[in-house]
C-alpha atoms as a PDB file:
ATOM      1  CA  MET A   1     202.330 105.755 251.133  1.00  0.00           C
ATOM      2  CA  ARG A   2     201.707 104.559 254.703  1.00  0.00           C
ATOM      3  CA  SER A   3     202.033 100.852 255.409  1.00  0.00           C
ATOM      4  CA  LEU A   4     198.992  98.763 256.264  1.00  0.00           C
ATOM      5  CA  ASP A   5     200.311  98.385 259.831  1.00  0.00           C
ATOM      6  CA  ASP A   6     200.382 102.160 260.233  1.00  0.00           C
ATOM      7  CA  ILE A   7     196.913 102.491 258.726  1.00  0.00           C
ATOM      8  CA  ARG A   8     195.567 100.025 261.310  1.00  0.00           C
ATOM      9  CA  LEU A   9     196.890 102.005 264.298  1.00  0.00           C
ATOM     10  CA  PRO A  10     193.622 103.802 265.251  1.00  0.00           C
ATOM     11  CA  VAL A  11     191.874 100.416 265.555  1.00  0.00           C
ATOM     12  CA  GLU A  12     194.834  98.134 266.288  1.00  0.00           C
ATOM     13  CA  ASP A  13     193.466  96.893 269.626  1.00  0.00           C
ATOM     14  CA  GLU A  14     190.014  96.309 268.164  1.00  0.00           C
ATOM     15  CA  MET A  15     191.444  94.369 265.194  1.00  0.00           C
ATOM     16  CA  LYS A  16     193.401  92.090 267.546  1.00  0.00           C
ATOM     17  CA  LYS A  17     190.237  91.465 269.559  1.00  0.00           C
ATOM     18  CA  PHE A  18     188.361  90.854 266.312  1.00  0.00           C
ATOM     19  CA  GLU A  19     190.735  88.047 265.282  1.00  0.00           C
ATOM     20  CA  LYS A  20     189.714  86.030 268.364  1.00  0.00           C
ATOM     21  CA  HIS A  21     186.062  86.982 267.859  1.00  0.00           C
ATOM     22  CA  PHE A  22     186.221  85.742 264.257  1.00  0.00           C
ATOM     23  CA  LYS A  23     188.010  82.509 265.141  1.00  0.00           C
ATOM     24  CA  ASP A  24     185.424  81.758 267.832  1.00  0.00           C
ATOM     25  CA  SER A  25     182.602  82.469 265.378  1.00  0.00           C
ATOM     26  CA  ILE A  26     183.654  79.626 263.047  1.00  0.00           C
ATOM     27  CA  SER A  27     184.565  76.975 265.633  1.00  0.00           C
ATOM     28  CA  SER A  28     182.822  73.624 265.370  1.00  0.00           C
ATOM     29  CA  ASP A  29     182.467  70.329 267.244  1.00  0.00           C
ATOM     30  CA  VAL A  30     183.476  68.539 264.033  1.00  0.00           C
ATOM     31  CA  SER A  31     187.258  68.150 264.017  1.00  0.00           C
ATOM     32  CA  LEU A  32     187.560  68.083 260.215  1.00  0.00           C
ATOM     33  CA  LEU A  33     185.833  71.461 259.993  1.00  0.00           C
ATOM     34  CA  ASN A  34     188.211  72.924 262.570  1.00  0.00           C
ATOM     35  CA  ILE A  35     191.222  71.577 260.675  1.00  0.00           C
ATOM     36  CA  VAL A  36     190.060  73.130 257.411  1.00  0.00           C
ATOM     37  CA  THR A  37     188.995  76.460 258.933  1.00  0.00           C
ATOM     38  CA  ASN A  38     192.301  76.737 260.845  1.00  0.00           C
ATOM     39  CA  TYR A  39     194.100  76.210 257.532  1.00  0.00           C
ATOM     40  CA  VAL A  40     192.090  79.051 256.022  1.00  0.00           C
ATOM     41  CA  LEU A  41     192.732  81.325 259.020  1.00  0.00           C
ATOM     42  CA  ARG A  42     196.500  80.756 258.888  1.00  0.00           C
ATOM     43  CA  ARG A  43     196.455  82.033 255.316  1.00  0.00           C
ATOM     44  CA  LYS A  44     194.241  85.033 255.892  1.00  0.00           C
ATOM     45  CA  GLY A  45     194.913  88.022 253.686  1.00  0.00           C
ATOM     46  CA  LYS A  46     195.272  91.673 254.610  1.00  0.00           C
ATOM     47  CA  GLN A  47     191.828  91.720 256.305  1.00  0.00           C
ATOM     48  CA  MET A  48     191.064  94.954 254.533  1.00  0.00           C
ATOM     49  CA  ARG A  49     187.296  94.449 254.679  1.00  0.00           C
ATOM     50  CA  PRO A  50     187.071  94.184 258.484  1.00  0.00           C
ATOM     51  CA  LEU A  51     189.472  97.142 258.633  1.00  0.00           C
ATOM     52  CA  PHE A  52     187.027  99.220 256.578  1.00  0.00           C
ATOM     53  CA  VAL A  53     184.284  98.279 259.064  1.00  0.00           C
ATOM     54  CA  PHE A  54     186.262  99.258 262.171  1.00  0.00           C
ATOM     55  CA  LEU A  55     187.732 102.469 260.765  1.00  0.00           C
ATOM     56  CA  THR A  56     184.292 103.619 259.598  1.00  0.00           C
ATOM     57  CA  SER A  57     182.722 102.960 263.002  1.00  0.00           C
ATOM     58  CA  LYS A  58     185.545 104.696 264.844  1.00  0.00           C
ATOM     59  CA  MET A  59     185.543 107.662 262.472  1.00  0.00           C
ATOM     60  CA  LEU A  60     181.902 108.169 263.438  1.00  0.00           C
ATOM     61  CA  GLY A  61     182.866 107.994 267.106  1.00  0.00           C
ATOM     62  CA  ASN A  62     181.691 104.628 268.317  1.00  0.00           C
ATOM     63  CA  ILE A  63     182.916 101.026 268.052  1.00  0.00           C
ATOM     64  CA  THR A  64     180.272  98.748 269.529  1.00  0.00           C
ATOM     65  CA  ASP A  65     179.618  95.022 269.918  1.00  0.00           C
ATOM     66  CA  THR A  66     177.658  95.367 266.684  1.00  0.00           C
ATOM     67  CA  THR A  67     180.853  96.511 264.944  1.00  0.00           C
ATOM     68  CA  TYR A  68     182.475  93.169 265.800  1.00  0.00           C
ATOM     69  CA  THR A  69     179.419  91.323 264.506  1.00  0.00           C
ATOM     70  CA  ALA A  70     179.484  93.379 261.297  1.00  0.00           C
ATOM     71  CA  ALA A  71     183.193  92.721 260.691  1.00  0.00           C
ATOM     72  CA  SER A  72     182.772  88.999 261.388  1.00  0.00           C
ATOM     73  CA  LEU A  73     179.736  88.780 259.121  1.00  0.00           C
ATOM     74  CA  VAL A  74     181.528  90.465 256.232  1.00  0.00           C
ATOM     75  CA  GLU A  75     184.636  88.318 256.659  1.00  0.00           C
ATOM     76  CA  LEU A  76     182.601  85.096 256.934  1.00  0.00           C
ATOM     77  CA  LEU A  77     180.683  85.784 253.746  1.00  0.00           C
ATOM     78  CA  HIS A  78     183.762  87.044 251.909  1.00  0.00           C
ATOM     79  CA  THR A  79     185.755  83.932 252.865  1.00  0.00           C
ATOM     80  CA  ALA A  80     182.859  81.705 251.814  1.00  0.00           C
ATOM     81  CA  THR A  81     182.726  83.318 248.377  1.00  0.00           C
ATOM     82  CA  LEU A  82     186.509  82.896 247.930  1.00  0.00           C
ATOM     83  CA  VAL A  83     186.292  79.189 248.774  1.00  0.00           C
ATOM     84  CA  HIS A  84     183.383  78.726 246.360  1.00  0.00           C
ATOM     85  CA  ASP A  85     185.169  80.779 243.662  1.00  0.00           C
ATOM     86  CA  ASP A  86     188.181  78.455 243.796  1.00  0.00           C
ATOM     87  CA  VAL A  87     185.880  75.493 243.169  1.00  0.00           C
ATOM     88  CA  VAL A  88     184.053  77.213 240.296  1.00  0.00           C
ATOM     89  CA  ASP A  89     187.337  78.373 238.704  1.00  0.00           C
ATOM     90  CA  GLU A  90     189.053  75.023 239.401  1.00  0.00           C
ATOM     91  CA  SER A  91     191.826  77.024 241.029  1.00  0.00           C
ATOM     92  CA  PHE A  92     194.331  75.123 243.142  1.00  0.00           C
ATOM     93  CA  GLU A  93     196.149  78.134 244.542  1.00  0.00           C
ATOM     94  CA  ARG A  94     195.047  80.952 246.838  1.00  0.00           C
ATOM     95  CA  ARG A  95     197.468  83.649 248.098  1.00  0.00           C
ATOM     96  CA  GLY A  96     200.490  81.590 247.130  1.00  0.00           C
ATOM     97  CA  ALA A  97     199.314  78.430 248.936  1.00  0.00           C
ATOM     98  CA  PHE A  98     197.145  75.448 248.046  1.00  0.00           C
ATOM     99  CA  SER A  99     193.426  76.245 247.968  1.00  0.00           C
ATOM    100  CA  VAL A 100     190.978  74.266 250.098  1.00  0.00           C
ATOM    101  CA  ASN A 101     189.724  72.296 247.099  1.00  0.00           C
ATOM    102  CA  ALA A 102     193.308  71.434 246.094  1.00  0.00           C
ATOM    103  CA  ILE A 103     193.885  69.686 249.439  1.00  0.00           C
ATOM    104  CA  TRP A 104     190.437  68.414 250.458  1.00  0.00           C
ATOM    105  CA  LYS A 105     188.721  68.300 247.023  1.00  0.00           C
ATOM    106  CA  SER A 106     185.724  70.255 245.837  1.00  0.00           C
ATOM    107  CA  LYS A 107     183.029  68.535 247.947  1.00  0.00           C
ATOM    108  CA  ILE A 108     184.604  69.603 251.238  1.00  0.00           C
ATOM    109  CA  ALA A 109     185.386  73.063 249.820  1.00  0.00           C
ATOM    110  CA  VAL A 110     181.737  73.603 248.827  1.00  0.00           C
ATOM    111  CA  LEU A 111     180.534  72.373 252.212  1.00  0.00           C
ATOM    112  CA  LEU A 112     183.015  74.662 253.983  1.00  0.00           C
ATOM    113  CA  GLY A 113     181.735  77.635 251.996  1.00  0.00           C
ATOM    114  CA  ASP A 114     178.157  76.697 252.901  1.00  0.00           C
ATOM    115  CA  TYR A 115     179.158  76.335 256.553  1.00  0.00           C
ATOM    116  CA  LEU A 116     180.735  79.795 256.638  1.00  0.00           C
ATOM    117  CA  LEU A 117     177.632  81.302 255.024  1.00  0.00           C
ATOM    118  CA  SER A 118     175.391  79.633 257.601  1.00  0.00           C
ATOM    119  CA  LYS A 119     177.601  80.833 260.472  1.00  0.00           C
ATOM    120  CA  GLY A 120     177.284  84.375 259.156  1.00  0.00           C
ATOM    121  CA  LEU A 121     173.504  84.079 259.055  1.00  0.00           C
ATOM    122  CA  LEU A 122     173.375  82.610 262.575  1.00  0.00           C
ATOM    123  CA  LEU A 123     175.724  85.263 263.971  1.00  0.00           C
ATOM    124  CA  SER A 124     173.404  88.009 262.733  1.00  0.00           C
ATOM    125  CA  VAL A 125     170.221  86.342 263.934  1.00  0.00           C
ATOM    126  CA  GLN A 126     171.608  85.490 267.369  1.00  0.00           C
ATOM    127  CA  ASN A 127     172.583  89.146 267.880  1.00  0.00           C
ATOM    128  CA  ASN A 128     169.360  90.510 266.339  1.00  0.00           C
ATOM    129  CA  ASP A 129     171.435  92.400 263.780  1.00  0.00           C
ATOM    130  CA  TYR A 130     168.934  92.021 260.957  1.00  0.00           C
ATOM    131  CA  GLU A 131     169.857  95.303 259.259  1.00  0.00           C
ATOM    132  CA  LEU A 132     173.481  94.160 258.969  1.00  0.00           C
ATOM    133  CA  LEU A 133     172.309  90.836 257.579  1.00  0.00           C
ATOM    134  CA  GLU A 134     170.194  92.627 254.976  1.00  0.00           C
ATOM    135  CA  LEU A 135     173.111  94.827 253.887  1.00  0.00           C
ATOM    136  CA  VAL A 136     175.578  91.957 253.499  1.00  0.00           C
ATOM    137  CA  SER A 137     173.068  89.488 252.018  1.00  0.00           C
ATOM    138  CA  ASP A 138     172.165  92.076 249.386  1.00  0.00           C
ATOM    139  CA  ALA A 139     175.876  92.409 248.567  1.00  0.00           C
ATOM    140  CA  VAL A 140     176.210  88.631 248.141  1.00  0.00           C
ATOM    141  CA  ARG A 141     173.163  88.576 245.852  1.00  0.00           C
ATOM    142  CA  GLU A 142     174.715  91.297 243.708  1.00  0.00           C
ATOM    143  CA  MET A 143     178.071  89.482 243.644  1.00  0.00           C
ATOM    144  CA  ILE A 144     176.390  86.373 242.256  1.00  0.00           C
ATOM    145  CA  GLU A 145     174.474  88.415 239.678  1.00  0.00           C
ATOM    146  CA  GLY A 146     177.708  90.154 238.652  1.00  0.00           C
ATOM    147  CA  GLU A 147     179.530  86.851 238.237  1.00  0.00           C
ATOM    148  CA  LEU A 148     176.737  85.433 236.074  1.00  0.00           C
ATOM    149  CA  LEU A 149     176.536  88.625 234.006  1.00  0.00           C
ATOM    150  CA  GLN A 150     180.276  88.414 233.365  1.00  0.00           C
ATOM    151  CA  ILE A 151     179.992  84.757 232.322  1.00  0.00           C
ATOM    152  CA  GLN A 152     177.104  85.610 229.993  1.00  0.00           C
ATOM    153  CA  LYS A 153     179.012  88.445 228.330  1.00  0.00           C
ATOM    154  CA  THR A 154     182.310  86.545 228.192  1.00  0.00           C
ATOM    155  CA  ARG A 155     180.662  83.711 226.261  1.00  0.00           C
ATOM    156  CA  SER A 156     179.469  86.142 223.611  1.00  0.00           C
ATOM    157  CA  LEU A 157     182.720  88.155 223.766  1.00  0.00           C
ATOM    158  CA  ASN A 158     180.525  91.229 223.710  1.00  0.00           C
ATOM    159  CA  ILE A 159     180.967  93.696 226.554  1.00  0.00           C
ATOM    160  CA  ASP A 160     181.035  97.481 226.559  1.00  0.00           C
ATOM    161  CA  THR A 161     182.314  99.855 229.241  1.00  0.00           C
ATOM    162  CA  GLU A 162     178.899 100.378 230.831  1.00  0.00           C
ATOM    163  CA  THR A 163     178.342  96.635 231.197  1.00  0.00           C
ATOM    164  CA  TYR A 164     181.859  96.298 232.602  1.00  0.00           C
ATOM    165  CA  TYR A 165     181.142  98.960 235.248  1.00  0.00           C
ATOM    166  CA  GLU A 166     177.932  97.144 236.174  1.00  0.00           C
ATOM    167  CA  VAL A 167     179.812  93.838 236.504  1.00  0.00           C
ATOM    168  CA  ILE A 168     182.524  95.186 238.807  1.00  0.00           C
ATOM    169  CA  ARG A 169     180.066  97.229 240.837  1.00  0.00           C
ATOM    170  CA  LYS A 170     178.153  94.038 241.546  1.00  0.00           C
ATOM    171  CA  LYS A 171     181.126  91.640 241.833  1.00  0.00           C
ATOM    172  CA  THR A 172     183.504  93.733 243.931  1.00  0.00           C
ATOM    173  CA  ALA A 173     182.234  97.157 244.909  1.00  0.00           C
ATOM    174  CA  THR A 174     179.027  96.097 246.677  1.00  0.00           C
ATOM    175  CA  LEU A 175     180.900  93.986 249.255  1.00  0.00           C
ATOM    176  CA  ILE A 176     183.254  96.844 250.146  1.00  0.00           C
ATOM    177  CA  ALA A 177     180.225  99.170 250.246  1.00  0.00           C
ATOM    178  CA  SER A 178     178.592  96.784 252.714  1.00  0.00           C
ATOM    179  CA  CYS A 179     181.714  97.140 254.909  1.00  0.00           C
ATOM    180  CA  THR A 180     181.521 100.928 255.136  1.00  0.00           C
ATOM    181  CA  ALA A 181     177.715 100.856 255.445  1.00  0.00           C
ATOM    182  CA  CYS A 182     177.799  98.195 258.177  1.00  0.00           C
ATOM    183  CA  GLY A 183     180.513 100.125 260.026  1.00  0.00           C
ATOM    184  CA  ALA A 184     178.271 103.183 259.940  1.00  0.00           C
ATOM    185  CA  LYS A 185     175.174 101.234 260.966  1.00  0.00           C
ATOM    186  CA  ALA A 186     177.060  99.672 263.882  1.00  0.00           C
ATOM    187  CA  ALA A 187     178.049 103.151 265.092  1.00  0.00           C
ATOM    188  CA  GLY A 188     174.360 104.016 265.423  1.00  0.00           C
ATOM    189  CA  VAL A 189     174.174 106.821 262.851  1.00  0.00           C
ATOM    190  CA  ASP A 190     171.113 107.768 260.768  1.00  0.00           C
ATOM    191  CA  ASP A 191     170.156 106.123 257.465  1.00  0.00           C
ATOM    192  CA  GLU A 192     171.331 109.086 255.383  1.00  0.00           C
ATOM    193  CA  THR A 193     174.846 108.737 256.784  1.00  0.00           C
ATOM    194  CA  VAL A 194     174.777 104.978 256.139  1.00  0.00           C
ATOM    195  CA  SER A 195     173.784 105.667 252.513  1.00  0.00           C
ATOM    196  CA  LYS A 196     176.584 108.197 252.052  1.00  0.00           C
ATOM    197  CA  LEU A 197     179.161 105.745 253.348  1.00  0.00           C
ATOM    198  CA  TYR A 198     177.711 103.010 251.150  1.00  0.00           C
ATOM    199  CA  GLU A 199     178.467 105.250 248.145  1.00  0.00           C
ATOM    200  CA  VAL A 200     181.985 105.847 249.465  1.00  0.00           C
ATOM    201  CA  GLY A 201     182.418 102.062 249.576  1.00  0.00           C
ATOM    202  CA  ILE A 202     181.132 101.690 246.010  1.00  0.00           C
ATOM    203  CA  ASN A 203     183.773 104.126 244.767  1.00  0.00           C
ATOM    204  CA  ILE A 204     186.493 102.339 246.737  1.00  0.00           C
ATOM    205  CA  GLY A 205     185.420  98.986 245.321  1.00  0.00           C
ATOM    206  CA  MET A 206     185.383 100.262 241.744  1.00  0.00           C
ATOM    207  CA  ALA A 207     188.918 101.630 242.131  1.00  0.00           C
ATOM    208  CA  PHE A 208     190.023  98.384 243.823  1.00  0.00           C
ATOM    209  CA  GLN A 209     188.798  96.193 240.952  1.00  0.00           C
ATOM    210  CA  ILE A 210     190.264  98.366 238.200  1.00  0.00           C
ATOM    211  CA  LYS A 211     193.610  98.124 240.025  1.00  0.00           C
ATOM    212  CA  ASP A 212     193.276  94.332 239.913  1.00  0.00           C
ATOM    213  CA  ASP A 213     192.569  94.541 236.176  1.00  0.00           C
ATOM    214  CA  LEU A 214     195.725  96.593 235.637  1.00  0.00           C
ATOM    215  CA  PHE A 215     197.852  93.939 237.392  1.00  0.00           C
ATOM    216  CA  ASP A 216     197.182  91.642 234.421  1.00  0.00           C
ATOM    217  CA  TYR A 217     199.274  93.938 232.232  1.00  0.00           C
ATOM    218  CA  GLN A 218     202.169  94.600 234.596  1.00  0.00           C
ATOM    219  CA  PRO A 219     205.458  92.646 234.578  1.00  0.00           C
ATOM    220  CA  ARG A 220     205.420  89.947 237.255  1.00  0.00           C
ATOM    221  CA  GLY A 221     207.717  87.218 238.543  1.00  0.00           C
ATOM    222  CA  ILE A 222     211.231  86.221 237.494  1.00  0.00           C
ATOM    223  CA  ILE A 223     210.753  86.647 233.742  1.00  0.00           C
ATOM    224  CA  GLY A 224     209.135  90.059 234.168  1.00  0.00           C
ATOM    225  CA  LYS A 225     206.219  89.246 231.861  1.00  0.00           C
ATOM    226  CA  PRO A 226     202.573  90.213 232.401  1.00  0.00           C
ATOM    227  CA  THR A 227     200.512  87.277 233.649  1.00  0.00           C
ATOM    228  CA  GLY A 228     197.677  87.852 231.196  1.00  0.00           C
ATOM    229  CA  ASN A 229     195.383  85.681 233.320  1.00  0.00           C
ATOM    230  CA  ASP A 230     192.262  87.646 232.390  1.00  0.00           C
ATOM    231  CA  ILE A 231     193.164  87.362 228.715  1.00  0.00           C
ATOM    232  CA  LYS A 232     193.705  83.602 229.051  1.00  0.00           C
ATOM    233  CA  GLU A 233     190.297  83.310 230.729  1.00  0.00           C
ATOM    234  CA  LYS A 234     188.751  85.491 227.995  1.00  0.00           C
ATOM    235  CA  LYS A 235     187.631  88.121 230.490  1.00  0.00           C
ATOM    236  CA  PHE A 236     187.119  91.534 228.943  1.00  0.00           C
ATOM    237  CA  THR A 237     188.384  94.068 231.476  1.00  0.00           C
ATOM    238  CA  LEU A 238     188.519  97.857 231.169  1.00  0.00           C
ATOM    239  CA  PRO A 239     191.975  98.225 229.518  1.00  0.00           C
ATOM    240  CA  LEU A 240     191.046  95.749 226.769  1.00  0.00           C
ATOM    241  CA  ILE A 241     187.501  97.084 226.290  1.00  0.00           C
ATOM    242  CA  TYR A 242     188.781 100.628 225.851  1.00  0.00           C
ATOM    243  CA  ALA A 243     191.486  99.544 223.389  1.00  0.00           C
ATOM    244  CA  LEU A 244     188.989  97.551 221.314  1.00  0.00           C
ATOM    245  CA  ASN A 245     186.684 100.566 221.149  1.00  0.00           C
ATOM    246  CA  HIS A 246     189.506 102.833 219.970  1.00  0.00           C
ATOM    247  CA  CYS A 247     190.991 100.930 217.071  1.00  0.00           C
ATOM    248  CA  ASP A 248     189.873 100.227 213.497  1.00  0.00           C
ATOM    249  CA  SER A 249     187.289  97.483 212.898  1.00  0.00           C
ATOM    250  CA  SER A 250     189.690  95.041 211.211  1.00  0.00           C
ATOM    251  CA  THR A 251     192.132  95.193 214.131  1.00  0.00           C
ATOM    252  CA  LYS A 252     189.265  94.762 216.578  1.00  0.00           C
ATOM    253  CA  LYS A 253     188.050  91.627 214.768  1.00  0.00           C
ATOM    254  CA  LYS A 254     191.603  90.268 214.631  1.00  0.00           C
ATOM    255  CA  ILE A 255     192.203  90.711 218.379  1.00  0.00           C
ATOM    256  CA  ILE A 256     188.800  89.252 219.334  1.00  0.00           C
ATOM    257  CA  ARG A 257     189.444  86.270 217.029  1.00  0.00           C
ATOM    258  CA  LYS A 258     192.806  85.613 218.677  1.00  0.00           C
ATOM    259  CA  ILE A 259     191.209  85.643 222.139  1.00  0.00           C
ATOM    260  CA  ARG A 260     188.220  83.550 221.044  1.00  0.00           C
ATOM    261  CA  ASN A 261     190.130  80.733 219.294  1.00  0.00           C
ATOM    262  CA  GLY A 262     191.084  78.207 221.942  1.00  0.00           C
ATOM    263  CA  LYS A 263     193.089  79.139 225.032  1.00  0.00           C
ATOM    264  CA  PRO A 264     195.375  82.096 224.315  1.00  0.00           C
ATOM    265  CA  ASN A 265     199.055  81.082 224.559  1.00  0.00           C
ATOM    266  CA  ALA A 266     201.966  83.252 225.694  1.00  0.00           C
ATOM    267  CA  LYS A 267     202.463  84.676 222.203  1.00  0.00           C
ATOM    268  CA  VAL A 268     198.810  85.716 221.923  1.00  0.00           C
ATOM    269  CA  VAL A 269     198.830  87.177 225.449  1.00  0.00           C
ATOM    270  CA  ASP A 270     201.895  89.261 224.596  1.00  0.00           C
ATOM    271  CA  GLU A 271     200.267  90.494 221.386  1.00  0.00           C
ATOM    272  CA  VAL A 272     197.067  91.491 223.209  1.00  0.00           C
ATOM    273  CA  VAL A 273     199.047  93.232 225.963  1.00  0.00           C
ATOM    274  CA  GLN A 274     200.981  95.254 223.383  1.00  0.00           C
ATOM    275  CA  PHE A 275     197.745  96.086 221.551  1.00  0.00           C
ATOM    276  CA  VAL A 276     196.160  97.386 224.772  1.00  0.00           C
ATOM    277  CA  LYS A 277     199.226  99.486 225.588  1.00  0.00           C
ATOM    278  CA  LEU A 278     199.415 101.014 222.091  1.00  0.00           C
ATOM    279  CA  ASN A 279     195.733 101.909 222.083  1.00  0.00           C
ATOM    280  CA  GLY A 280     195.684 103.733 225.418  1.00  0.00           C
ATOM    281  CA  GLY A 281     193.884 101.067 227.441  1.00  0.00           C
ATOM    282  CA  LEU A 282     196.196 101.229 230.442  1.00  0.00           C
ATOM    283  CA  GLU A 283     196.191 105.033 230.665  1.00  0.00           C
ATOM    284  CA  PHE A 284     192.395 105.178 230.428  1.00  0.00           C
ATOM    285  CA  ALA A 285     191.888 102.477 233.094  1.00  0.00           C
ATOM    286  CA  ASN A 286     194.412 104.126 235.418  1.00  0.00           C
ATOM    287  CA  ASP A 287     192.694 107.517 235.013  1.00  0.00           C
ATOM    288  CA  LYS A 288     189.304 105.935 235.727  1.00  0.00           C
ATOM    289  CA  MET A 289     190.683 104.241 238.829  1.00  0.00           C
ATOM    290  CA  LEU A 290     192.012 107.569 240.110  1.00  0.00           C
ATOM    291  CA  GLU A 291     188.634 109.195 239.407  1.00  0.00           C
ATOM    292  CA  TYR A 292     186.862 106.634 241.619  1.00  0.00           C
ATOM    293  CA  LYS A 293     189.532 107.106 244.291  1.00  0.00           C
ATOM    294  CA  ALA A 294     189.007 110.875 244.241  1.00  0.00           C
ATOM    295  CA  ASN A 295     185.223 110.405 244.540  1.00  0.00           C
ATOM    296  CA  ALA A 296     185.693 108.146 247.565  1.00  0.00           C
ATOM    297  CA  ILE A 297     188.000 110.601 249.331  1.00  0.00           C
ATOM    298  CA  ALA A 298     185.677 113.519 248.552  1.00  0.00           C
ATOM    299  CA  GLY A 299     182.829 111.529 250.114  1.00  0.00           C
ATOM    300  CA  LEU A 300     184.829 110.942 253.292  1.00  0.00           C
ATOM    301  CA  LYS A 301     185.570 114.646 253.694  1.00  0.00           C
ATOM    302  CA  GLN A 302     181.948 115.129 254.791  1.00  0.00           C
ATOM    303  CA  PHE A 303     182.753 113.335 258.047  1.00  0.00           C
ATOM    304  CA  PRO A 304     184.711 114.203 261.232  1.00  0.00           C
ATOM    305  CA  ASP A 305     188.410 114.902 260.726  1.00  0.00           C
ATOM    306  CA  ASN A 306     190.111 112.407 263.036  1.00  0.00           C
ATOM    307  CA  SER A 307     192.795 109.710 262.935  1.00  0.00           C
ATOM    308  CA  SER A 308     190.326 107.076 261.717  1.00  0.00           C
ATOM    309  CA  ARG A 309     189.225 109.223 258.780  1.00  0.00           C
ATOM    310  CA  THR A 310     192.886 109.818 257.923  1.00  0.00           C
ATOM    311  CA  SER A 311     193.497 106.068 258.011  1.00  0.00           C
ATOM    312  CA  LEU A 312     190.450 105.435 255.820  1.00  0.00           C
ATOM    313  CA  MET A 313     191.822 107.886 253.263  1.00  0.00           C
ATOM    314  CA  ASP A 314     195.212 106.204 253.446  1.00  0.00           C
ATOM    315  CA  LEU A 315     193.559 102.794 253.070  1.00  0.00           C
ATOM    316  CA  ILE A 316     191.907 104.040 249.884  1.00  0.00           C
ATOM    317  CA  GLU A 317     195.325 105.195 248.660  1.00  0.00           C
ATOM    318  CA  PHE A 318     196.703 101.759 249.571  1.00  0.00           C
ATOM    319  CA  THR A 319     194.057 100.020 247.419  1.00  0.00           C
ATOM    320  CA  VAL A 320     195.191 101.856 244.287  1.00  0.00           C
ATOM    321  CA  SER A 321     198.937 101.809 245.015  1.00  0.00           C
ATOM    322  CA  ARG A 322     199.367  98.212 246.231  1.00  0.00           C
ATOM    323  CA  LYS A 323     201.824  95.972 244.409  1.00  0.00           C
ATOM    324  CA  ARG A 324     199.637  92.845 244.491  1.00  0.00           C
END
């Protein structure tokens, strides 16, 4: 598998230029805001979403000023949702460092998220990029709906595979789809091409989220035990849903009761992990992830064969092969 640095090569110069463009887009006259946003920027992740935007535009032959706006818009809204998520989840860690709300408390974290959202809106309006704004705003709406649907179903501990697919399509896949669609729109292609690349992004996002679900069951850290975070939070992800649907009714009731009663401890997590493994949950989820990956790559094969398309395909492979 190619490294992320190698995958970036066709758009390396543009990504470096983007980093300055993005930093400038969130600058403020208020020093506290600059301190907090600089903290966030220093701990930026892999920047996979802007990379999807740039590679898509370049694959179609044209990186424009609108491509930079699209990448900034996606990253602004994505960062805002992460900051808000940490407040909602009362999480004090993000990418191995303290979250914004851990250092500056939830009020400043919420205001920062709101600020980033507003900067994204202003960036689009100032550049008259209303179609980009519509694409990304629709993704944010779906993300919120997906989060609420998951909360609703988690409370009742009643979720089937179809509901699960709807949740992750809304929560994760739509934002990645907005990246590929915005990259296409910025390149000036027709609406049919934008729609095709939106579907490619949906398939990438579905594979990406199932990979995240599988991490919960893989040995991590010094003790080599699965984290079981989703189990502790009573989230029903694909491996668990499949296992529950492929066991006898008494076992199903027993496992659901163990998850429902209080906060699952390490012993319960280990029991649920073993149950999922024995009932084929991991194999099924992995196969489904690979199916979405194959659909995404097949969708890309409709487009020009160039270094950017190759990197997009490798980036898809990276999403399902990454170690964290």
